[in-house]
Structure formats: structure tokens, C-alpha cells
């Protein structure tokens, strides 16, 4: 996968990855995973009646 960031976003990403002493790709993976899990937790729960 090839993700393109704006220059400013890329700069911030590299700075944070360096502060956390990890590769930028690992940081991107962590951030995206955290956001997806947050969204999943915020989705309304489906009940049996709504599945029909």
C-alpha cells in the first residue's frame, strides 16, 4: 500500500515517530488501528430486531 501525505502531515508523522523511537510505518499502523477501533466502539450496537 502506498499512502501519500501532505508535506506538513509527513513532517509531523516523522517527528512523532522519531520521538517514539519507531519507524513511521509502525506509527501509521498504530494510529490507523486505534482510530478504527474507536469508530467500531462508537457504532450503535445492532439488536436482533434490527438485523431482520
Protein backbone atom coordinates (compact mmCIF):
# COMPACT_ATOMS: atom_id res chain seq x y z
CA UNK A 1 0.00 0.00 0.00
CA UNK A 2 1.26 3.45 -0.87
CA UNK A 3 -0.14 6.33 1.19
CA UNK A 4 0.67 9.91 0.28
CA UNK A 5 0.63 12.57 2.99
CA UNK A 6 0.78 16.32 2.71
CA UNK A 7 4.21 17.76 3.44
CA UNK A 8 3.07 19.07 6.84
CA UNK A 9 1.44 15.77 7.85
CA UNK A 10 4.53 13.84 6.77
CA UNK A 11 6.74 16.17 8.80
CA UNK A 12 4.58 15.73 11.91
CA UNK A 13 4.48 11.97 11.40
CA UNK A 14 8.26 11.70 11.13
CA UNK A 15 8.75 13.94 14.18
CA UNK A 16 6.39 11.84 16.29
CA UNK A 17 7.89 8.56 15.07
CA UNK A 18 11.34 9.85 15.99
CA UNK A 19 10.13 10.92 19.46
CA UNK A 20 8.67 7.45 19.99
CA UNK A 21 11.79 5.81 18.51
CA UNK A 22 9.87 3.74 15.97
CA UNK A 23 9.56 3.57 12.19
CA UNK A 24 6.96 5.89 10.65
CA UNK A 25 5.19 2.89 9.10
CA UNK A 26 4.74 1.31 12.54
CA UNK A 27 3.32 4.57 13.89
CA UNK A 28 0.89 4.87 10.97
CA UNK A 29 -0.24 1.29 11.61
CA UNK A 30 -0.82 2.02 15.31
CA UNK A 31 -2.70 5.26 14.62
CA UNK A 32 -4.99 3.77 11.98
CA UNK A 33 -5.71 0.71 14.12
CA UNK A 34 -6.58 2.92 17.11
CA UNK A 35 -8.94 5.10 15.04
CA UNK A 36 -10.69 2.08 13.51
CA UNK A 37 -11.16 0.50 16.95
CA UNK A 38 -12.53 3.79 18.30
CA UNK A 39 -15.03 4.04 15.45
CA UNK A 40 -16.06 0.43 15.96
CA UNK A 41 -16.66 1.07 19.66
CA UNK A 42 -18.73 4.18 18.86
CA UNK A 43 -21.02 2.43 16.38
CA UNK A 44 -24.51 1.72 17.71
CA UNK A 45 -24.99 -1.89 18.71
CA UNK A 46 -27.33 -3.87 16.47
CA UNK A 47 -30.10 -5.78 18.16
CA UNK A 48 -31.77 -8.92 16.85
CA UNK A 49 -34.78 -6.92 15.65
CA UNK A 50 -32.60 -4.53 13.65
CA UNK A 51 -30.93 -7.43 11.86
CA UNK A 52 -34.17 -8.60 10.26
